Amino acid sequence: MNASVAPPLVRLLVCLGPRCDAQGGGESLLAELRAALAEAFAEDLARGRIALATRDCLRHCTREPVARVEPSGDVFSNPRIDELLAAVARELAM
């Protein structure tokens, strides 16, 4: 029997496009978020309930890093890590 893998419940997308990452802000956000998720949601990450990915553009261009939380579609411009962790927790609770 071939078991299928369920998609993650929460997906975080960090923009690494030319505006959002102009000063390395997108890459910096990605690294901070990766570490914070590993600390706050280690079990959920291990179980595949959370996924972290990058995009070349999220179509919310600013000069600051941008992140989107799915499935809610909430977009954060120059987010604080605690804001993103709270959004993940809300999504997991639904």
C-alpha atoms as a PDB file:
ATOM      1  CA  MET A   1       0.000   0.000   0.000  1.00  0.00           C
ATOM      2  CA  ASN A   2       1.317   3.451  -0.924  1.00  0.00           C
ATOM      3  CA  ALA A   3       0.708   6.010   1.846  1.00  0.00           C
ATOM      4  CA  SER A   4       0.316   9.563   0.658  1.00  0.00           C
ATOM      5  CA  VAL A   5       1.868  12.429   2.528  1.00  0.00           C
ATOM      6  CA  ALA A   6      -0.547  15.104   3.703  1.00  0.00           C
ATOM      7  CA  PRO A   7       0.291  18.681   2.739  1.00  0.00           C
ATOM      8  CA  PRO A   8       1.417  20.979   5.541  1.00  0.00           C
ATOM      9  CA  LEU A   9      -1.307  22.688   7.555  1.00  0.00           C
ATOM     10  CA  VAL A  10       0.635  25.952   7.592  1.00  0.00           C
ATOM     11  CA  ARG A  11       2.981  27.314   4.981  1.00  0.00           C
ATOM     12  CA  LEU A  12       5.138  30.390   5.444  1.00  0.00           C
ATOM     13  CA  LEU A  13       6.462  32.108   2.350  1.00  0.00           C
ATOM     14  CA  VAL A  14       9.313  34.608   2.563  1.00  0.00           C
ATOM     15  CA  CYS A  15       9.893  36.910  -0.389  1.00  0.00           C
ATOM     16  CA  LEU A  16      13.435  37.000  -1.732  1.00  0.00           C
ATOM     17  CA  GLY A  17      12.596  39.260  -4.662  1.00  0.00           C
ATOM     18  CA  PRO A  18      14.806  42.180  -5.669  1.00  0.00           C
ATOM     19  CA  ARG A  19      12.946  44.751  -3.564  1.00  0.00           C
ATOM     20  CA  CYS A  20      12.230  42.699  -0.442  1.00  0.00           C
ATOM     21  CA  ASP A  21      15.771  41.362  -0.301  1.00  0.00           C
ATOM     22  CA  ALA A  22      17.530  44.464  -1.611  1.00  0.00           C
ATOM     23  CA  GLN A  23      19.565  44.856   1.584  1.00  0.00           C
ATOM     24  CA  GLY A  24      19.533  41.152   2.493  1.00  0.00           C
ATOM     25  CA  GLY A  25      16.419  41.603   4.611  1.00  0.00           C
ATOM     26  CA  GLY A  26      14.568  38.653   3.098  1.00  0.00           C
ATOM     27  CA  GLU A  27      17.461  36.268   3.660  1.00  0.00           C
ATOM     28  CA  SER A  28      17.875  37.566   7.202  1.00  0.00           C
ATOM     29  CA  LEU A  29      14.159  37.107   7.930  1.00  0.00           C
ATOM     30  CA  LEU A  30      14.299  33.598   6.496  1.00  0.00           C
ATOM     31  CA  ALA A  31      17.216  32.606   8.740  1.00  0.00           C
ATOM     32  CA  GLU A  32      15.623  34.107  11.871  1.00  0.00           C
ATOM     33  CA  LEU A  33      12.282  32.510  11.098  1.00  0.00           C
ATOM     34  CA  ARG A  34      13.834  29.101  10.444  1.00  0.00           C
ATOM     35  CA  ALA A  35      15.555  29.187  13.853  1.00  0.00           C
ATOM     36  CA  ALA A  36      12.462  30.477  15.681  1.00  0.00           C
ATOM     37  CA  LEU A  37      10.209  27.836  14.123  1.00  0.00           C
ATOM     38  CA  ALA A  38      12.675  25.088  15.058  1.00  0.00           C
ATOM     39  CA  GLU A  39      12.577  26.256  18.651  1.00  0.00           C
ATOM     40  CA  ALA A  40       8.867  27.026  19.001  1.00  0.00           C
ATOM     41  CA  PHE A  41       7.346  24.347  16.754  1.00  0.00           C
ATOM     42  CA  ALA A  42       9.930  21.553  16.534  1.00  0.00           C
ATOM     43  CA  GLU A  43       7.364  18.749  16.679  1.00  0.00           C
ATOM     44  CA  ASP A  44       5.067  20.355  14.104  1.00  0.00           C
ATOM     45  CA  LEU A  45       8.003  20.860  11.742  1.00  0.00           C
ATOM     46  CA  ALA A  46       9.127  17.258  12.211  1.00  0.00           C
ATOM     47  CA  ARG A  47       5.608  16.009  11.480  1.00  0.00           C
ATOM     48  CA  GLY A  48       5.393  18.123   8.313  1.00  0.00           C
ATOM     49  CA  ARG A  49       2.592  20.300   9.675  1.00  0.00           C
ATOM     50  CA  ILE A  50       4.579  23.488   8.926  1.00  0.00           C
ATOM     51  CA  ALA A  51       6.530  24.313   5.792  1.00  0.00           C
ATOM     52  CA  LEU A  52       8.852  27.258   5.185  1.00  0.00           C
ATOM     53  CA  ALA A  53       9.530  28.293   1.604  1.00  0.00           C
ATOM     54  CA  THR A  54      10.743  31.254  -0.444  1.00  0.00           C
ATOM     55  CA  ARG A  55       9.327  33.043  -3.455  1.00  0.00           C
ATOM     56  CA  ASP A  56      10.882  35.433  -5.950  1.00  0.00           C
ATOM     57  CA  CYS A  57       7.932  37.776  -5.516  1.00  0.00           C
ATOM     58  CA  LEU A  58       4.779  37.769  -3.410  1.00  0.00           C
ATOM     59  CA  ARG A  59       3.331  40.772  -5.289  1.00  0.00           C
ATOM     60  CA  HIS A  60       3.350  42.985  -2.194  1.00  0.00           C
ATOM     61  CA  CYS A  61       6.478  44.873  -3.150  1.00  0.00           C
ATOM     62  CA  THR A  62       8.080  47.041  -0.527  1.00  0.00           C
ATOM     63  CA  ARG A  63      11.639  47.848   0.417  1.00  0.00           C
ATOM     64  CA  GLU A  64      11.249  45.612   3.445  1.00  0.00           C
ATOM     65  CA  PRO A  65      11.033  41.836   3.792  1.00  0.00           C
ATOM     66  CA  VAL A  66       7.563  40.403   3.211  1.00  0.00           C
ATOM     67  CA  ALA A  67       6.144  37.112   4.453  1.00  0.00           C
ATOM     68  CA  ARG A  68       2.810  35.413   3.786  1.00  0.00           C
ATOM     69  CA  VAL A  69       1.114  32.817   5.988  1.00  0.00           C
ATOM     70  CA  GLU A  70      -1.066  30.233   4.286  1.00  0.00           C
ATOM     71  CA  PRO A  71      -3.808  29.142   4.213  1.00  0.00           C
ATOM     72  CA  SER A  72      -5.027  32.450   5.738  1.00  0.00           C
ATOM     73  CA  GLY A  73      -3.193  34.536   3.146  1.00  0.00           C
ATOM     74  CA  ASP A  74      -2.135  37.079   5.794  1.00  0.00           C
ATOM     75  CA  VAL A  75       0.747  39.206   4.521  1.00  0.00           C
ATOM     76  CA  PHE A  76       3.279  40.854   6.814  1.00  0.00           C
ATOM     77  CA  SER A  77       5.614  43.653   5.729  1.00  0.00           C
ATOM     78  CA  ASN A  78       8.809  43.871   7.775  1.00  0.00           C
ATOM     79  CA  PRO A  79       7.349  41.406  10.282  1.00  0.00           C
ATOM     80  CA  ARG A  80       8.563  40.714  13.761  1.00  0.00           C
ATOM     81  CA  ILE A  81       9.312  37.052  14.410  1.00  0.00           C
ATOM     82  CA  ASP A  82       6.804  36.957  17.271  1.00  0.00           C
ATOM     83  CA  GLU A  83       4.065  38.164  14.885  1.00  0.00           C
ATOM     84  CA  LEU A  84       4.785  35.315  12.505  1.00  0.00           C
ATOM     85  CA  LEU A  85       4.957  32.727  15.287  1.00  0.00           C
ATOM     86  CA  ALA A  86       1.582  33.940  16.596  1.00  0.00           C
ATOM     87  CA  ALA A  87       0.106  33.642  13.093  1.00  0.00           C
ATOM     88  CA  VAL A  88       1.433  30.080  12.808  1.00  0.00           C
ATOM     89  CA  ALA A  89      -0.061  29.183  16.185  1.00  0.00           C
ATOM     90  CA  ARG A  90      -3.454  30.590  15.100  1.00  0.00           C
ATOM     91  CA  GLU A  91      -3.391  28.570  11.888  1.00  0.00           C
ATOM     92  CA  LEU A  92      -2.435  25.357  13.681  1.00  0.00           C
ATOM     93  CA  ALA A  93      -5.288  25.852  16.165  1.00  0.00           C
ATOM     94  CA  MET A  94      -7.924  26.071  13.425  1.00  0.00           C
END
